Amino acid sequence: MDSSSTRRQATRQKLFEAAVTLIAEQGFSSTTVDEIAERAGVAKGTVYYNFASKTVLFEELLQHGIELLTASLQSAADENAERGGSHVDALDAMVRAGLDFISRYPSLTQLYVAELWRTNRAWQSTLMMVRQRAIAVIEAELRAGVAAQEFSGEIDIPLTASALFGMVLVAALDWQSYQPERSLEDVHAALSRLLQGRVGGTVASG
């Protein structure tokens, strides 16, 4: 990557960070391009040079963030496979990766959860698409676990994957907002016990 491309990526990253922080603080409608530029330490024209509008910036922001999360989940699954871990271990590693990601990007996660339930946004279809990419990583692990007879064949894979994804999001936001004194390891251990009992335990009793 040449120096101009590197600089542009750095600028876009600053704009992403500024936008997500401001929008989390005061909402999308109340956040102006001037404020985003000021927070990022760039000229207003730089925002429009990189993004056609505030709406495009926000849409790309959400997409960028969930794609980072998806990559983190996939990496956790791949590393578990390299260690020879079970499929329950892979799901547990994804839970840990999700918690770690959300602890590093809490404002982004708050925005994602808030926007997920809105139906009148220009970026709704994009949000649904990138959400499905993240959930597809979990679905693939569940299918592999069923094929290996580690999980019950009666598992509703799409719903279970969505439930696990939602569990991590909600639990992490609750942790960040209301129980910040708890460590990541402590929260992961609690969710791990839930996962082992509900997903792993289903197979053991099936």
Protein backbone atom coordinates (compact mmCIF):
# COMPACT_ATOMS: atom_id res chain seq x y z
CA MET A 1 0.00 0.00 0.00
CA ASP A 2 1.46 3.40 -0.99
CA SER A 3 1.75 6.35 1.37
CA SER A 4 -1.30 8.16 -0.05
CA SER A 5 -3.49 5.09 0.45
CA THR A 6 -2.13 4.66 3.97
CA ARG A 7 -2.91 8.29 4.78
CA ARG A 8 -6.43 7.97 3.39
CA GLN A 9 -7.06 4.84 5.44
CA ALA A 10 -5.81 6.63 8.56
CA THR A 11 -8.08 9.60 7.82
CA ARG A 12 -11.11 7.37 7.26
CA GLN A 13 -10.37 5.58 10.52
CA LYS A 14 -10.27 8.90 12.39
CA LEU A 15 -13.58 9.87 10.81
CA PHE A 16 -15.11 6.53 11.75
CA GLU A 17 -13.99 6.89 15.36
CA ALA A 18 -15.20 10.48 15.60
CA ALA A 19 -18.56 9.68 14.05
CA VAL A 20 -19.29 6.62 16.17
CA THR A 21 -18.44 8.47 19.38
CA LEU A 22 -20.54 11.52 18.55
CA ILE A 23 -23.53 9.55 17.27
CA ALA A 24 -23.46 7.34 20.35
CA GLU A 25 -23.41 10.47 22.53
CA GLN A 26 -26.11 12.54 20.84
CA GLY A 27 -27.81 10.50 18.10
CA PHE A 28 -27.51 10.46 14.32
CA SER A 29 -29.87 13.35 13.58
CA SER A 30 -28.24 15.68 16.10
CA THR A 31 -24.70 15.01 14.90
CA THR A 32 -23.41 17.35 12.20
CA VAL A 33 -20.64 16.89 9.65
CA ASP A 34 -18.91 19.93 11.18
CA GLU A 35 -18.79 18.17 14.55
CA ILE A 36 -17.45 14.96 13.03
CA ALA A 37 -14.72 16.90 11.22
CA GLU A 38 -13.82 18.84 14.36
CA ARG A 39 -13.67 15.70 16.52
CA ALA A 40 -11.51 13.96 13.90
CA GLY A 41 -9.25 16.99 13.58
CA VAL A 42 -9.80 17.41 9.83
CA ALA A 43 -11.43 19.96 7.53
CA LYS A 44 -15.13 19.60 6.74
CA GLY A 45 -14.27 19.07 3.08
CA THR A 46 -12.24 16.02 4.07
CA VAL A 47 -15.41 14.31 5.30
CA TYR A 48 -17.10 14.81 1.93
CA TYR A 49 -13.95 13.80 0.07
CA ASN A 50 -14.04 10.41 1.82
CA PHE A 51 -17.82 9.98 2.12
CA ALA A 52 -20.58 11.38 -0.10
CA SER A 53 -22.75 12.28 2.90
CA LYS A 54 -23.21 11.77 6.62
CA THR A 55 -25.64 8.95 5.80
CA VAL A 56 -23.03 7.17 3.68
CA LEU A 57 -20.45 7.64 6.43
CA PHE A 58 -22.74 6.08 9.01
CA GLU A 59 -23.73 3.20 6.73
CA GLU A 60 -20.09 2.40 6.04
CA LEU A 61 -19.32 2.81 9.73
CA LEU A 62 -21.83 0.14 10.71
CA GLN A 63 -20.71 -2.14 7.91
CA HIS A 64 -17.04 -1.70 8.79
CA GLY A 65 -17.67 -2.45 12.45
CA ILE A 66 -19.72 -5.61 11.96
CA GLU A 67 -17.24 -6.88 9.38
CA LEU A 68 -14.49 -6.47 11.97
CA LEU A 69 -16.61 -8.42 14.44
CA THR A 70 -17.28 -11.14 11.86
CA ALA A 71 -13.55 -11.47 11.17
CA SER A 72 -12.91 -11.73 14.89
CA LEU A 73 -15.47 -14.52 15.27
CA GLN A 74 -14.07 -16.41 12.29
CA SER A 75 -10.53 -16.07 13.58
CA ALA A 76 -11.59 -17.49 16.95
CA ALA A 77 -13.20 -20.49 15.24
CA ASP A 78 -10.17 -21.07 13.01
CA GLU A 79 -7.71 -20.90 15.89
CA ASN A 80 -9.82 -23.35 17.87
CA ALA A 81 -9.84 -25.77 14.91
CA GLU A 82 -6.04 -25.53 14.67
CA ARG A 83 -5.83 -26.51 18.35
CA GLY A 84 -8.11 -29.48 17.72
CA GLY A 85 -10.85 -28.12 19.97
CA SER A 86 -14.46 -29.25 19.93
CA HIS A 87 -17.28 -27.35 18.29
CA VAL A 88 -18.54 -26.25 21.71
CA ASP A 89 -15.02 -24.94 22.34
CA ALA A 90 -15.26 -23.02 19.05
CA LEU A 91 -18.54 -21.41 20.08
CA ASP A 92 -17.02 -20.57 23.45
CA ALA A 93 -14.03 -18.99 21.72
CA MET A 94 -16.44 -16.91 19.62
CA VAL A 95 -18.21 -15.73 22.77
CA ARG A 96 -14.87 -14.63 24.17
CA ALA A 97 -13.92 -12.92 20.90
CA GLY A 98 -17.28 -11.13 20.81
CA LEU A 99 -16.90 -9.87 24.37
CA ASP A 100 -13.38 -8.70 23.66
CA PHE A 101 -14.50 -6.86 20.52
CA ILE A 102 -17.39 -5.14 22.32
CA SER A 103 -15.16 -4.13 25.23
CA ARG A 104 -12.89 -2.39 22.70
CA TYR A 105 -15.72 -0.82 20.68
CA PRO A 106 -18.60 -0.22 23.11
CA SER A 107 -19.96 2.86 21.31
CA LEU A 108 -20.10 1.01 18.00
CA THR A 109 -21.98 -1.86 19.63
CA GLN A 110 -24.47 0.52 21.25
CA LEU A 111 -25.14 2.08 17.86
CA TYR A 112 -25.55 -1.29 16.18
CA VAL A 113 -28.06 -2.53 18.74
CA ALA A 114 -30.01 0.74 18.60
CA GLU A 115 -30.14 0.76 14.81
CA LEU A 116 -31.00 -2.94 14.52
CA TRP A 117 -34.60 -2.31 15.55
CA ARG A 118 -35.22 0.77 13.40
CA THR A 119 -37.06 0.25 10.12
CA ASN A 120 -36.90 3.69 8.54
CA ARG A 121 -33.17 4.04 7.98
CA ALA A 122 -31.50 4.21 4.56
CA TRP A 123 -28.90 1.70 5.70
CA GLN A 124 -31.32 -0.95 7.03
CA SER A 125 -30.70 -3.43 4.22
CA THR A 126 -26.93 -3.06 4.59
CA LEU A 127 -27.21 -3.61 8.33
CA MET A 128 -29.24 -6.79 7.85
CA MET A 129 -26.73 -8.05 5.31
CA VAL A 130 -23.66 -7.59 7.51
CA ARG A 131 -25.52 -8.97 10.53
CA GLN A 132 -26.23 -12.13 8.58
CA ARG A 133 -22.55 -12.49 7.72
CA ALA A 134 -21.67 -12.51 11.40
CA ILE A 135 -24.42 -14.97 12.26
CA ALA A 136 -23.41 -17.22 9.33
CA VAL A 137 -20.06 -17.84 11.05
CA ILE A 138 -21.90 -19.18 14.10
CA GLU A 139 -24.32 -21.17 11.95
CA ALA A 140 -21.41 -22.88 10.18
CA GLU A 141 -19.97 -24.02 13.50
CA LEU A 142 -23.35 -25.32 14.66
CA ARG A 143 -23.81 -27.26 11.41
CA ALA A 144 -20.34 -28.76 11.75
CA GLY A 145 -21.15 -29.75 15.32
CA VAL A 146 -24.37 -31.45 14.23
CA ALA A 147 -22.53 -33.26 11.42
CA ALA A 148 -19.94 -34.47 13.94
CA GLN A 149 -22.78 -35.58 16.25
CA GLU A 150 -21.48 -33.24 18.92
CA PHE A 151 -24.78 -31.35 18.90
CA SER A 152 -28.29 -32.67 18.65
CA GLY A 153 -29.73 -32.82 15.15
CA GLU A 154 -32.86 -31.20 16.57
CA ILE A 155 -31.10 -27.86 17.10
CA ASP A 156 -32.74 -25.02 15.21
CA ILE A 157 -29.51 -23.73 13.71
CA PRO A 158 -30.60 -20.26 12.45
CA LEU A 159 -32.44 -19.44 15.67
CA THR A 160 -29.70 -20.80 17.90
CA ALA A 161 -27.06 -18.81 16.02
CA SER A 162 -29.13 -15.62 16.35
CA ALA A 163 -29.71 -16.33 20.04
CA LEU A 164 -25.98 -16.78 20.71
CA PHE A 165 -25.15 -13.61 18.78
CA GLY A 166 -27.79 -11.66 20.66
CA MET A 167 -26.74 -13.12 24.01
CA VAL A 168 -23.20 -11.82 23.59
CA LEU A 169 -24.36 -8.37 22.45
CA VAL A 170 -26.86 -7.84 25.24
CA ALA A 171 -24.71 -9.38 27.98
CA ALA A 172 -21.71 -7.31 26.93
CA LEU A 173 -23.67 -4.05 26.85
CA ASP A 174 -25.17 -4.85 30.25
CA TRP A 175 -21.67 -5.54 31.55
CA GLN A 176 -20.26 -2.31 30.12
CA SER A 177 -23.17 -0.17 31.35
CA TYR A 178 -24.15 -1.68 34.69
CA GLN A 179 -21.40 -4.02 35.88
CA PRO A 180 -18.16 -2.39 34.66
CA GLU A 181 -16.29 -3.63 37.72
CA ARG A 182 -16.45 -7.19 36.38
CA SER A 183 -13.53 -8.43 34.32
CA LEU A 184 -13.82 -9.79 30.80
CA GLU A 185 -12.72 -13.18 32.14
CA ASP A 186 -15.51 -13.16 34.74
CA VAL A 187 -18.21 -12.29 32.21
CA HIS A 188 -16.88 -14.84 29.74
CA ALA A 189 -16.90 -17.54 32.42
CA ALA A 190 -20.56 -16.84 33.19
CA LEU A 191 -21.58 -17.00 29.53
CA SER A 192 -19.40 -20.06 29.00
CA ARG A 193 -21.29 -21.93 31.73
CA LEU A 194 -24.56 -20.96 30.06
CA LEU A 195 -23.29 -22.10 26.67
CA GLN A 196 -21.99 -25.41 27.98
CA GLY A 197 -25.27 -26.11 29.75
CA ARG A 198 -27.61 -25.14 26.92
CA VAL A 199 -25.73 -26.10 23.78
CA GLY A 200 -23.26 -28.67 25.03
CA GLY A 201 -25.70 -30.10 27.56
CA THR A 202 -28.38 -30.60 24.93
CA VAL A 203 -26.22 -33.16 23.19
CA ALA A 204 -25.25 -34.94 26.35
CA SER A 205 -28.88 -35.57 27.21
CA GLY A 206 -29.99 -36.24 23.60
